[in-house]
Amino acid sequence: MKKLTFIAATLFCLLMAGCSSSKTSDAPAERTDEITAATPSTENTTEKPQNTRDMENLTKVLIKTSEGDITIALYDNTPKHKENFIKLVNDGFYNGVLFHRIIQGFMIQTGDPESKGAPAGKMLGNGGPGYTIPAEFKPENYHKRGAVAAARQGDQVNPTKASSGSQFYIVDGKPFNSNLMAQISYQYGKSFTDEQRKVYETIGGAPFLDGDYTVFGEVVEGMDVVDKIAAKPKDRYDRPTADVKIISTEIIK
């Protein structure tokens, strides 16, 4: 089973100043189709977009980690992912699972049950509950900073873009200036609403992943903890050198 990761064109990384351009063939077979964070915007924009989603009535999940608490809200318009996540939380599936992949300015990834008690230096990211979830792409769910999305196998073995049954990531993205947004739109054929562009250019995110990975929630509290985890020292597999784990998860609403 190939490592659950993120897909993006190598050409995009080559065009981004300061972006890694390692080729698929240079990485272990399980780590194909890597992407790293693009250069953030340096524009100073004071007007911040507003979150128009009704957050108050969404189901919330408290994720207690060894670095602090993160609270996420689950979207109602991705019911398969919501139902599955609630089931795993209620089953205690995530208790003791590591954040096995971190890239500062991009994302932190967790949900591999094989990471529980894994020895230091072991490459992780292959595990899951033994099933996938059909993709639930919604234009209004996008990869803004703080978005919660499902990891998955690459398109070559997963043409329907079905999600992992358990692995997910939280976007730790940085702002993209208008020029980079234009490049993403042109190279990937992606379109963004004015509001989405404003979010990506001010708050940040990972716009190049939109429409390829199911976004099913967002962080409502604890982005400082996400940033802290993303900044940890890591090994060549992007695994933190000192384990960062989920202690417990619970439904709080």
C-alpha atoms as a PDB file:
ATOM      1  CA  MET A   1       0.000   0.000   0.000  1.00  0.00           C
ATOM      2  CA  LYS A   2       1.497   3.341  -0.966  1.00  0.00           C
ATOM      3  CA  LYS A   3       1.947   6.084   1.583  1.00  0.00           C
ATOM      4  CA  LEU A   4      -1.028   8.384   1.985  1.00  0.00           C
ATOM      5  CA  THR A   5       0.218  11.795   0.951  1.00  0.00           C
ATOM      6  CA  PHE A   6      -0.507  14.799  -1.256  1.00  0.00           C
ATOM      7  CA  ILE A   7      -0.318  15.171  -5.047  1.00  0.00           C
ATOM      8  CA  ALA A   8       0.926  18.227  -6.948  1.00  0.00           C
ATOM      9  CA  ALA A   9       2.855  18.913 -10.134  1.00  0.00           C
ATOM     10  CA  THR A  10       6.627  19.126  -9.748  1.00  0.00           C
ATOM     11  CA  LEU A  11       6.534  22.092 -12.126  1.00  0.00           C
ATOM     12  CA  PHE A  12       4.733  24.169  -9.517  1.00  0.00           C
ATOM     13  CA  CYS A  13       7.507  23.619  -6.973  1.00  0.00           C
ATOM     14  CA  LEU A  14      10.146  24.502  -9.560  1.00  0.00           C
ATOM     15  CA  LEU A  15       8.442  27.846 -10.158  1.00  0.00           C
ATOM     16  CA  MET A  16       8.216  28.741  -6.469  1.00  0.00           C
ATOM     17  CA  ALA A  17      11.240  30.579  -5.075  1.00  0.00           C
ATOM     18  CA  GLY A  18      12.814  28.647  -2.243  1.00  0.00           C
ATOM     19  CA  CYS A  19      10.672  25.572  -2.815  1.00  0.00           C
ATOM     20  CA  SER A  20      12.101  22.055  -2.753  1.00  0.00           C
ATOM     21  CA  SER A  21      12.065  20.305  -6.127  1.00  0.00           C
ATOM     22  CA  SER A  22      12.939  16.728  -5.178  1.00  0.00           C
ATOM     23  CA  LYS A  23      11.729  14.231  -7.775  1.00  0.00           C
ATOM     24  CA  THR A  24       9.554  11.227  -7.102  1.00  0.00           C
ATOM     25  CA  SER A  25      12.376   8.882  -8.117  1.00  0.00           C
ATOM     26  CA  ASP A  26      14.632  10.403  -5.443  1.00  0.00           C
ATOM     27  CA  ALA A  27      12.279   9.357  -2.615  1.00  0.00           C
ATOM     28  CA  PRO A  28      11.418   5.919  -1.204  1.00  0.00           C
ATOM     29  CA  ALA A  29       8.747   4.127  -3.217  1.00  0.00           C
ATOM     30  CA  GLU A  30       6.133   4.649  -0.532  1.00  0.00           C
ATOM     31  CA  ARG A  31       6.574   8.422  -0.608  1.00  0.00           C
ATOM     32  CA  THR A  32       5.627   9.303  -4.173  1.00  0.00           C
ATOM     33  CA  ASP A  33       4.017  12.545  -5.331  1.00  0.00           C
ATOM     34  CA  GLU A  34       5.351  14.795  -2.585  1.00  0.00           C
ATOM     35  CA  ILE A  35       4.752  18.523  -2.369  1.00  0.00           C
ATOM     36  CA  THR A  36       6.315  21.177  -0.170  1.00  0.00           C
ATOM     37  CA  ALA A  37       5.071  24.560   0.902  1.00  0.00           C
ATOM     38  CA  ALA A  38       5.308  27.428  -1.560  1.00  0.00           C
ATOM     39  CA  THR A  39       6.874  30.786  -0.768  1.00  0.00           C
ATOM     40  CA  PRO A  40       4.399  32.809   1.312  1.00  0.00           C
ATOM     41  CA  SER A  41       3.147  36.215   0.356  1.00  0.00           C
ATOM     42  CA  THR A  42       4.833  39.285   1.808  1.00  0.00           C
ATOM     43  CA  GLU A  43       1.937  41.577   0.982  1.00  0.00           C
ATOM     44  CA  ASN A  44       0.473  43.466   3.946  1.00  0.00           C
ATOM     45  CA  THR A  45      -3.290  43.299   3.566  1.00  0.00           C
ATOM     46  CA  THR A  46      -5.298  44.679   6.481  1.00  0.00           C
ATOM     47  CA  GLU A  47      -8.786  43.666   5.344  1.00  0.00           C
ATOM     48  CA  LYS A  48      -9.515  40.132   6.567  1.00  0.00           C
ATOM     49  CA  PRO A  49     -12.316  37.967   5.170  1.00  0.00           C
ATOM     50  CA  GLN A  50     -15.149  36.787   7.399  1.00  0.00           C
ATOM     51  CA  ASN A  51     -16.178  33.176   7.990  1.00  0.00           C
ATOM     52  CA  THR A  52     -19.773  33.026   6.791  1.00  0.00           C
ATOM     53  CA  ARG A  53     -20.354  29.367   7.789  1.00  0.00           C
ATOM     54  CA  ASP A  54     -22.700  28.722  10.744  1.00  0.00           C
ATOM     55  CA  MET A  55     -19.988  27.384  13.050  1.00  0.00           C
ATOM     56  CA  GLU A  56     -22.081  27.432  16.209  1.00  0.00           C
ATOM     57  CA  ASN A  57     -24.270  24.519  15.155  1.00  0.00           C
ATOM     58  CA  LEU A  58     -21.526  22.252  13.803  1.00  0.00           C
ATOM     59  CA  THR A  59     -20.335  19.167  15.670  1.00  0.00           C
ATOM     60  CA  LYS A  60     -17.096  19.922  17.530  1.00  0.00           C
ATOM     61  CA  VAL A  61     -14.299  17.502  18.401  1.00  0.00           C
ATOM     62  CA  LEU A  62     -11.668  18.167  21.060  1.00  0.00           C
ATOM     63  CA  ILE A  63      -8.296  16.674  20.121  1.00  0.00           C
ATOM     64  CA  LYS A  64      -5.967  16.567  23.117  1.00  0.00           C
ATOM     65  CA  THR A  65      -2.351  16.296  22.005  1.00  0.00           C
ATOM     66  CA  SER A  66       0.956  16.136  23.828  1.00  0.00           C
ATOM     67  CA  GLU A  67       1.507  19.748  22.717  1.00  0.00           C
ATOM     68  CA  GLY A  68      -1.915  21.130  23.674  1.00  0.00           C
ATOM     69  CA  ASP A  69      -5.564  21.060  22.660  1.00  0.00           C
ATOM     70  CA  ILE A  70      -7.031  21.500  19.177  1.00  0.00           C
ATOM     71  CA  THR A  71     -10.776  21.843  18.621  1.00  0.00           C
ATOM     72  CA  ILE A  72     -12.188  21.165  15.177  1.00  0.00           C
ATOM     73  CA  ALA A  73     -15.656  21.570  13.678  1.00  0.00           C
ATOM     74  CA  LEU A  74     -17.008  18.924  11.279  1.00  0.00           C
ATOM     75  CA  TYR A  75     -18.895  20.130   8.213  1.00  0.00           C
ATOM     76  CA  ASP A  76     -22.436  18.916   7.623  1.00  0.00           C
ATOM     77  CA  ASN A  77     -22.032  18.896   3.829  1.00  0.00           C
ATOM     78  CA  THR A  78     -19.540  15.991   3.955  1.00  0.00           C
ATOM     79  CA  PRO A  79     -21.760  13.513   5.833  1.00  0.00           C
ATOM     80  CA  LYS A  80     -19.748  10.359   5.062  1.00  0.00           C
ATOM     81  CA  HIS A  81     -16.558  11.860   6.428  1.00  0.00           C
ATOM     82  CA  LYS A  82     -18.361  13.398   9.395  1.00  0.00           C
ATOM     83  CA  GLU A  83     -20.067  10.127  10.347  1.00  0.00           C
ATOM     84  CA  ASN A  84     -16.829   8.168   9.998  1.00  0.00           C
ATOM     85  CA  PHE A  85     -14.796  10.654  12.042  1.00  0.00           C
ATOM     86  CA  ILE A  86     -17.374  10.659  14.842  1.00  0.00           C
ATOM     87  CA  LYS A  87     -17.351   6.846  14.883  1.00  0.00           C
ATOM     88  CA  LEU A  88     -13.554   6.711  15.144  1.00  0.00           C
ATOM     89  CA  VAL A  89     -13.564   9.312  17.916  1.00  0.00           C
ATOM     90  CA  ASN A  90     -16.216   7.400  19.876  1.00  0.00           C
ATOM     91  CA  ASP A  91     -14.247   4.163  19.391  1.00  0.00           C
ATOM     92  CA  GLY A  92     -11.063   5.773  20.756  1.00  0.00           C
ATOM     93  CA  PHE A  93      -9.319   4.991  17.468  1.00  0.00           C
ATOM     94  CA  TYR A  94      -7.088   8.071  17.547  1.00  0.00           C
ATOM     95  CA  ASN A  95      -5.928   7.724  21.161  1.00  0.00           C
ATOM     96  CA  GLY A  96      -2.155   7.286  21.120  1.00  0.00           C
ATOM     97  CA  VAL A  97      -1.758   7.925  17.380  1.00  0.00           C
ATOM     98  CA  LEU A  98       1.235  10.066  16.352  1.00  0.00           C
ATOM     99  CA  PHE A  99       1.467  13.104  14.113  1.00  0.00           C
ATOM    100  CA  HIS A 100       3.716  11.239  11.711  1.00  0.00           C
ATOM    101  CA  ARG A 101       4.287  13.901   9.031  1.00  0.00           C
ATOM    102  CA  ILE A 102       4.802  17.634   9.507  1.00  0.00           C
ATOM    103  CA  ILE A 103       5.797  20.356   7.055  1.00  0.00           C
ATOM    104  CA  GLN A 104       5.903  23.861   8.500  1.00  0.00           C
ATOM    105  CA  GLY A 105       3.913  26.294   6.400  1.00  0.00           C
ATOM    106  CA  PHE A 106       1.994  23.415   4.798  1.00  0.00           C
ATOM    107  CA  MET A 107       0.326  20.845   7.080  1.00  0.00           C
ATOM    108  CA  ILE A 108       0.502  18.329   9.927  1.00  0.00           C
ATOM    109  CA  GLN A 109      -0.741  14.768   9.303  1.00  0.00           C
ATOM    110  CA  THR A 110      -1.972  12.038  11.652  1.00  0.00           C
ATOM    111  CA  GLY A 111      -4.350   9.085  11.837  1.00  0.00           C
ATOM    112  CA  ASP A 112      -2.080   6.116  11.085  1.00  0.00           C
ATOM    113  CA  PRO A 113      -2.879   3.407  13.676  1.00  0.00           C
ATOM    114  CA  GLU A 114       0.478   1.772  12.957  1.00  0.00           C
ATOM    115  CA  SER A 115       2.157   4.804  14.534  1.00  0.00           C
ATOM    116  CA  LYS A 116       1.081   3.769  18.044  1.00  0.00           C
ATOM    117  CA  GLY A 117       4.258   2.755  19.845  1.00  0.00           C
ATOM    118  CA  ALA A 118       6.301   2.966  16.640  1.00  0.00           C
ATOM    119  CA  PRO A 119      10.063   3.021  17.218  1.00  0.00           C
ATOM    120  CA  ALA A 120      11.973   6.208  16.535  1.00  0.00           C
ATOM    121  CA  GLY A 121      12.938   6.713  12.905  1.00  0.00           C
ATOM    122  CA  LYS A 122      10.382   4.299  11.459  1.00  0.00           C
ATOM    123  CA  MET A 123       8.663   5.604   8.334  1.00  0.00           C
ATOM    124  CA  LEU A 124       4.918   5.814   8.914  1.00  0.00           C
ATOM    125  CA  GLY A 125       1.822   6.642   6.912  1.00  0.00           C
ATOM    126  CA  ASN A 126       0.669   3.300   5.496  1.00  0.00           C
ATOM    127  CA  GLY A 127      -1.884   2.354   8.108  1.00  0.00           C
ATOM    128  CA  GLY A 128      -5.635   2.737   8.266  1.00  0.00           C
ATOM    129  CA  PRO A 129      -8.859   1.048   9.374  1.00  0.00           C
ATOM    130  CA  GLY A 130      -9.051  -1.168   6.285  1.00  0.00           C
ATOM    131  CA  TYR A 131     -11.468   0.884   4.205  1.00  0.00           C
ATOM    132  CA  THR A 132     -11.707   4.140   2.292  1.00  0.00           C
ATOM    133  CA  ILE A 133     -14.395   6.818   2.059  1.00  0.00           C
ATOM    134  CA  PRO A 134     -15.774   8.134  -1.250  1.00  0.00           C
ATOM    135  CA  ALA A 135     -14.611  11.659  -2.052  1.00  0.00           C
ATOM    136  CA  GLU A 136     -16.972  14.464  -1.045  1.00  0.00           C
ATOM    137  CA  PHE A 137     -15.724  17.540  -2.876  1.00  0.00           C
ATOM    138  CA  LYS A 138     -17.644  20.745  -2.175  1.00  0.00           C
ATOM    139  CA  PRO A 139     -16.586  24.080  -3.716  1.00  0.00           C
ATOM    140  CA  GLU A 140     -17.282  25.877  -0.440  1.00  0.00           C
ATOM    141  CA  ASN A 141     -14.910  23.545   1.444  1.00  0.00           C
ATOM    142  CA  TYR A 142     -11.394  24.592   0.603  1.00  0.00           C
ATOM    143  CA  HIS A 143      -7.850  24.369   1.923  1.00  0.00           C
ATOM    144  CA  LYS A 144      -7.648  27.566   3.909  1.00  0.00           C
ATOM    145  CA  ARG A 145      -5.322  27.706   6.901  1.00  0.00           C
ATOM    146  CA  GLY A 146      -6.865  25.519   9.611  1.00  0.00           C
ATOM    147  CA  ALA A 147      -8.786  23.286   7.191  1.00  0.00           C
ATOM    148  CA  VAL A 148      -9.115  19.623   8.170  1.00  0.00           C
ATOM    149  CA  ALA A 149      -8.919  17.242   5.209  1.00  0.00           C
ATOM    150  CA  ALA A 150      -8.565  13.540   4.473  1.00  0.00           C
ATOM    151  CA  ALA A 151      -5.297  12.098   3.230  1.00  0.00           C
ATOM    152  CA  ARG A 152      -5.439   9.509   0.465  1.00  0.00           C
ATOM    153  CA  GLN A 153      -3.440   7.380  -1.938  1.00  0.00           C
ATOM    154  CA  GLY A 154      -2.254   8.890  -5.221  1.00  0.00           C
ATOM    155  CA  ASP A 155      -4.261   9.081  -8.427  1.00  0.00           C
ATOM    156  CA  GLN A 156      -2.402   6.237 -10.136  1.00  0.00           C
ATOM    157  CA  VAL A 157      -3.816   3.713  -7.671  1.00  0.00           C
ATOM    158  CA  ASN A 158      -6.802   5.770  -6.593  1.00  0.00           C
ATOM    159  CA  PRO A 159      -8.384   7.474  -9.622  1.00  0.00           C
ATOM    160  CA  THR A 160     -11.634   8.234  -7.752  1.00  0.00           C
ATOM    161  CA  LYS A 161      -9.656  10.154  -5.095  1.00  0.00           C
ATOM    162  CA  ALA A 162     -11.243   8.138  -2.278  1.00  0.00           C
ATOM    163  CA  SER A 163     -10.150   9.246   1.186  1.00  0.00           C
ATOM    164  CA  SER A 164      -8.250   7.275   3.777  1.00  0.00           C
ATOM    165  CA  GLY A 165     -10.579   5.850   6.394  1.00  0.00           C
ATOM    166  CA  SER A 166      -8.616   7.473   9.215  1.00  0.00           C
ATOM    167  CA  GLN A 167      -5.646   9.616   8.150  1.00  0.00           C
ATOM    168  CA  PHE A 168      -6.217  13.354   8.024  1.00  0.00           C
ATOM    169  CA  TYR A 169      -4.217  16.553   7.952  1.00  0.00           C
ATOM    170  CA  ILE A 170      -4.607  20.094   9.240  1.00  0.00           C
ATOM    171  CA  VAL A 171      -3.471  22.881   6.925  1.00  0.00           C
ATOM    172  CA  ASP A 172      -0.729  25.085   8.388  1.00  0.00           C
ATOM    173  CA  GLY A 173      -0.487  27.107   5.195  1.00  0.00           C
ATOM    174  CA  LYS A 174       0.911  30.582   4.723  1.00  0.00           C
ATOM    175  CA  PRO A 175      -0.514  33.382   2.530  1.00  0.00           C
ATOM    176  CA  PHE A 176      -0.086  33.295  -1.243  1.00  0.00           C
ATOM    177  CA  ASN A 177       0.199  36.563  -3.111  1.00  0.00           C
ATOM    178  CA  SER A 178      -1.956  37.345  -6.140  1.00  0.00           C
ATOM    179  CA  ASN A 179       0.763  36.311  -8.617  1.00  0.00           C
ATOM    180  CA  LEU A 180       1.075  32.852  -7.063  1.00  0.00           C
ATOM    181  CA  MET A 181      -2.699  32.479  -7.022  1.00  0.00           C
ATOM    182  CA  ALA A 182      -2.758  33.301 -10.733  1.00  0.00           C
ATOM    183  CA  GLN A 183      -0.079  30.664 -11.394  1.00  0.00           C
ATOM    184  CA  ILE A 184      -2.049  28.038  -9.498  1.00  0.00           C
ATOM    185  CA  SER A 185      -5.220  28.877 -11.410  1.00  0.00           C
ATOM    186  CA  TYR A 186      -3.388  28.667 -14.751  1.00  0.00           C
ATOM    187  CA  GLN A 187      -1.288  25.546 -14.097  1.00  0.00           C
ATOM    188  CA  TYR A 188      -3.905  23.483 -12.292  1.00  0.00           C
ATOM    189  CA  GLY A 189      -7.011  24.810 -14.015  1.00  0.00           C
ATOM    190  CA  LYS A 190      -8.501  25.764 -10.651  1.00  0.00           C
ATOM    191  CA  SER A 191     -10.963  28.566 -10.091  1.00  0.00           C
ATOM    192  CA  PHE A 192     -11.463  30.495  -6.869  1.00  0.00           C
ATOM    193  CA  THR A 193     -14.197  32.812  -5.696  1.00  0.00           C
ATOM    194  CA  ASP A 194     -13.276  36.338  -4.671  1.00  0.00           C
ATOM    195  CA  GLU A 195     -13.743  35.339  -1.042  1.00  0.00           C
ATOM    196  CA  GLN A 196     -11.472  32.320  -1.402  1.00  0.00           C
ATOM    197  CA  ARG A 197      -8.777  34.414  -3.061  1.00  0.00           C
ATOM    198  CA  LYS A 198      -8.998  36.908  -0.214  1.00  0.00           C
ATOM    199  CA  VAL A 199      -8.617  34.103   2.333  1.00  0.00           C
ATOM    200  CA  TYR A 200      -5.626  32.583   0.561  1.00  0.00           C
ATOM    201  CA  GLU A 201      -3.945  35.972   0.143  1.00  0.00           C
ATOM    202  CA  THR A 202      -4.484  37.092   3.755  1.00  0.00           C
ATOM    203  CA  ILE A 203      -4.974  34.101   6.047  1.00  0.00           C
ATOM    204  CA  GLY A 204      -3.242  31.510   3.864  1.00  0.00           C
ATOM    205  CA  GLY A 205      -3.720  27.840   3.073  1.00  0.00           C
ATOM    206  CA  ALA A 206      -2.930  25.285   0.375  1.00  0.00           C
ATOM    207  CA  PRO A 207      -4.987  26.295  -2.692  1.00  0.00           C
ATOM    208  CA  PHE A 208      -3.231  23.836  -5.008  1.00  0.00           C
ATOM    209  CA  LEU A 209      -4.968  20.948  -3.174  1.00  0.00           C
ATOM    210  CA  ASP A 210      -8.543  22.149  -3.745  1.00  0.00           C
ATOM    211  CA  GLY A 211     -10.714  19.632  -5.548  1.00  0.00           C
ATOM    212  CA  ASP A 212      -8.221  16.814  -5.020  1.00  0.00           C
ATOM    213  CA  TYR A 213      -8.654  16.063  -1.304  1.00  0.00           C
ATOM    214  CA  THR A 214     -11.863  16.135   0.718  1.00  0.00           C
ATOM    215  CA  VAL A 215     -11.980  19.001   3.209  1.00  0.00           C
ATOM    216  CA  PHE A 216     -14.436  17.995   5.939  1.00  0.00           C
ATOM    217  CA  GLY A 217     -13.844  20.457   8.764  1.00  0.00           C
ATOM    218  CA  GLU A 218     -11.745  23.222  10.230  1.00  0.00           C
ATOM    219  CA  VAL A 219      -9.940  24.233  13.397  1.00  0.00           C
ATOM    220  CA  VAL A 220     -11.952  26.555  15.652  1.00  0.00           C
ATOM    221  CA  GLU A 221      -9.460  26.672  18.539  1.00  0.00           C
ATOM    222  CA  GLY A 222      -5.819  25.703  18.844  1.00  0.00           C
ATOM    223  CA  MET A 223      -4.097  26.886  15.676  1.00  0.00           C
ATOM    224  CA  ASP A 224      -1.220  27.923  17.924  1.00  0.00           C
ATOM    225  CA  VAL A 225      -0.847  24.246  18.793  1.00  0.00           C
ATOM    226  CA  VAL A 226      -0.928  23.305  15.097  1.00  0.00           C
ATOM    227  CA  ASP A 227       1.835  25.855  14.445  1.00  0.00           C
ATOM    228  CA  LYS A 228       3.835  24.501  17.371  1.00  0.00           C
ATOM    229  CA  ILE A 229       3.606  20.936  16.083  1.00  0.00           C
ATOM    230  CA  ALA A 230       4.477  21.981  12.526  1.00  0.00           C
ATOM    231  CA  ALA A 231       7.654  23.686  13.762  1.00  0.00           C
ATOM    232  CA  LYS A 232       9.066  20.647  15.570  1.00  0.00           C
ATOM    233  CA  PRO A 233      12.413  19.182  14.486  1.00  0.00           C
ATOM    234  CA  LYS A 234      11.870  16.256  12.113  1.00  0.00           C
ATOM    235  CA  ASP A 235      13.676  13.460  10.321  1.00  0.00           C
ATOM    236  CA  ARG A 236      14.068  12.786   6.608  1.00  0.00           C
ATOM    237  CA  TYR A 237      10.579  11.284   6.491  1.00  0.00           C
ATOM    238  CA  ASP A 238       9.102  14.521   7.930  1.00  0.00           C
ATOM    239  CA  ARG A 239       8.318  12.664  11.147  1.00  0.00           C
ATOM    240  CA  PRO A 240       8.952  14.655  14.349  1.00  0.00           C
ATOM    241  CA  THR A 241      12.147  13.455  15.993  1.00  0.00           C
ATOM    242  CA  ALA A 242      10.379  13.552  19.357  1.00  0.00           C
ATOM    243  CA  ASP A 243       6.964  11.911  19.247  1.00  0.00           C
ATOM    244  CA  VAL A 244       3.935  14.192  19.130  1.00  0.00           C
ATOM    245  CA  LYS A 245       0.801  12.209  19.841  1.00  0.00           C
ATOM    246  CA  ILE A 246      -2.940  12.449  20.183  1.00  0.00           C
ATOM    247  CA  ILE A 247      -3.742  11.676  23.809  1.00  0.00           C
ATOM    248  CA  SER A 248      -7.507  11.544  23.400  1.00  0.00           C
ATOM    249  CA  THR A 249     -10.397  12.779  21.292  1.00  0.00           C
ATOM    250  CA  GLU A 250     -13.972  13.492  22.312  1.00  0.00           C
ATOM    251  CA  ILE A 251     -17.150  14.946  20.896  1.00  0.00           C
ATOM    252  CA  ILE A 252     -17.905  18.164  22.780  1.00  0.00           C
ATOM    253  CA  LYS A 253     -21.058  19.102  20.888  1.00  0.00           C
END
